[in-house]
Amino acid sequence: MQTGISEGLLELLRETGLHSSDFIDQILGTSTTEGTYHGVDGKEALRGIMQSLLMLCGSEEAAVDWLFHSVSYQQINGNYPYLALENGDFWSLTVLQDWLQIIVRHRASCPDLIAEIFQK
């Protein structure tokens, strides 16, 4: 999957993440805190997550909003998506990335599901 996301999206992601912890900066390698996100691999996983969310949500703002405030995901999972990343590690990133890639790959067969989970 192509992970060419804009610097503007990364900045919006950082700004939004500041309200919880510096886990976004840890993943992107811009934090002085030692993280558990495996450097370049973690950064690429986060970029992959955001690329998938762009395709599913339709805009940069909606993608970041979904990651931090998705009511549909929270109702199903019991937590907001960012909590799995903030309290997790590299494997938390890869699980979310893999799940989103499956949804992206099959989005044409389930437009109502996509609308309900990602565009509400």
Protein backbone atom coordinates (compact mmCIF):
# COMPACT_ATOMS: atom_id res chain seq x y z
CA MET A 1 0.00 0.00 0.00
CA GLN A 2 1.26 3.46 -0.83
CA THR A 3 1.91 5.52 2.27
CA GLY A 4 2.39 8.95 0.70
CA ILE A 5 0.56 11.11 3.21
CA SER A 6 1.02 14.85 3.54
CA GLU A 7 3.07 16.69 6.12
CA GLY A 8 -0.14 18.58 6.92
CA LEU A 9 -1.80 15.33 7.93
CA LEU A 10 1.16 14.39 10.13
CA GLU A 11 1.04 17.81 11.78
CA LEU A 12 -2.71 17.50 12.40
CA LEU A 13 -2.09 14.04 13.84
CA ARG A 14 0.62 15.41 16.16
CA GLU A 15 -1.54 18.34 17.31
CA THR A 16 -4.50 16.10 18.04
CA GLY A 17 -2.29 13.55 19.79
CA LEU A 18 -0.87 16.17 22.13
CA HIS A 19 -4.12 16.09 24.08
CA SER A 20 -3.46 12.51 25.17
CA SER A 21 0.30 11.82 25.27
CA ASP A 22 3.33 11.99 23.02
CA PHE A 23 2.71 8.56 21.51
CA ILE A 24 2.34 10.02 18.00
CA ASP A 25 5.74 11.70 18.35
CA GLN A 26 7.18 8.44 19.72
CA ILE A 27 5.89 6.57 16.67
CA LEU A 28 7.15 9.21 14.25
CA GLY A 29 10.52 9.39 16.01
CA THR A 30 10.19 13.05 16.98
CA SER A 31 10.00 12.45 20.74
CA THR A 32 12.83 12.35 23.25
CA THR A 33 10.99 9.57 25.07
CA GLU A 34 12.10 6.03 24.38
CA GLY A 35 9.21 4.27 22.66
CA THR A 36 8.22 0.71 21.93
CA TYR A 37 7.16 1.29 18.33
CA HIS A 38 10.28 -0.02 16.50
CA GLY A 39 11.45 3.12 14.72
CA VAL A 40 11.07 3.13 10.95
CA ASP A 41 8.74 0.12 10.94
CA GLY A 42 6.42 1.80 13.43
CA LYS A 43 6.46 5.03 11.45
CA GLU A 44 5.55 3.17 8.25
CA ALA A 45 2.75 1.31 10.05
CA LEU A 46 1.28 4.63 11.26
CA ARG A 47 1.55 6.05 7.75
CA GLY A 48 -0.24 2.94 6.45
CA ILE A 49 -3.00 3.39 9.03
CA MET A 50 -3.49 7.00 8.00
CA GLN A 51 -3.45 6.15 4.28
CA SER A 52 -6.19 3.57 4.85
CA LEU A 53 -8.19 6.01 6.94
CA LEU A 54 -7.90 8.64 4.20
CA MET A 55 -9.44 6.19 1.74
CA LEU A 56 -12.19 5.15 4.16
CA CYS A 57 -13.03 8.52 5.72
CA GLY A 58 -12.55 10.77 2.70
CA SER A 59 -10.43 13.60 4.13
CA GLU A 60 -7.41 14.23 6.34
CA GLU A 61 -9.51 15.86 9.04
CA ALA A 62 -12.02 12.99 9.04
CA ALA A 63 -9.20 10.41 9.17
CA VAL A 64 -7.61 12.02 12.24
CA ASP A 65 -11.02 12.56 13.83
CA TRP A 66 -11.85 8.87 13.34
CA LEU A 67 -8.60 7.77 14.97
CA PHE A 68 -9.23 9.89 18.07
CA HIS A 69 -13.03 10.09 18.32
CA SER A 70 -14.68 7.19 16.47
CA VAL A 71 -17.95 6.50 18.25
CA SER A 72 -18.74 3.47 16.06
CA TYR A 73 -15.38 1.82 16.78
CA GLN A 74 -15.70 2.68 20.47
CA GLN A 75 -19.18 1.13 20.66
CA ILE A 76 -17.89 -2.12 19.14
CA ASN A 77 -14.47 -2.29 20.82
CA GLY A 78 -15.09 -0.46 24.08
CA ASN A 79 -12.27 2.03 23.47
CA TYR A 80 -11.33 4.64 20.93
CA PRO A 81 -8.83 3.48 18.28
CA TYR A 82 -6.02 5.75 19.50
CA LEU A 83 -6.07 4.11 22.94
CA ALA A 84 -4.84 0.85 21.44
CA LEU A 85 -1.91 2.76 19.95
CA GLU A 86 -1.23 5.02 22.93
CA ASN A 87 -1.17 2.13 25.41
CA GLY A 88 0.33 -0.37 23.01
CA ASP A 89 3.45 -1.05 21.05
CA PHE A 90 4.54 -1.95 17.53
CA TRP A 91 2.10 -4.87 17.42
CA SER A 92 -0.82 -2.58 18.23
CA LEU A 93 0.10 -0.56 15.15
CA THR A 94 0.31 -3.61 12.91
CA VAL A 95 -3.00 -5.08 14.09
CA LEU A 96 -4.86 -1.83 13.36
CA GLN A 97 -3.03 -1.42 10.06
CA ASP A 98 -3.89 -4.98 8.97
CA TRP A 99 -7.55 -4.61 9.94
CA LEU A 100 -7.86 -1.34 8.02
CA GLN A 101 -6.13 -2.83 4.96
CA ILE A 102 -8.68 -5.66 4.90
CA ILE A 103 -11.54 -3.14 5.08
CA VAL A 104 -9.98 -1.02 2.30
CA ARG A 105 -9.49 -4.05 0.07
CA HIS A 106 -13.15 -5.10 0.42
CA ARG A 107 -14.78 -1.68 0.72
CA ALA A 108 -16.68 -2.01 -2.57
CA SER A 109 -18.56 -5.03 -1.21
CA CYS A 110 -19.70 -3.34 2.00
CA PRO A 111 -20.45 0.36 1.38
CA ASP A 112 -23.06 0.52 4.15
CA LEU A 113 -20.57 -0.85 6.67
CA ILE A 114 -17.95 1.68 5.55
CA ALA A 115 -20.45 4.52 5.84
CA GLU A 116 -21.54 3.36 9.30
CA ILE A 117 -18.07 2.89 10.77
CA PHE A 118 -15.94 5.47 8.95
CA GLN A 119 -18.16 8.24 7.59
CA LYS A 120 -20.65 8.92 10.35
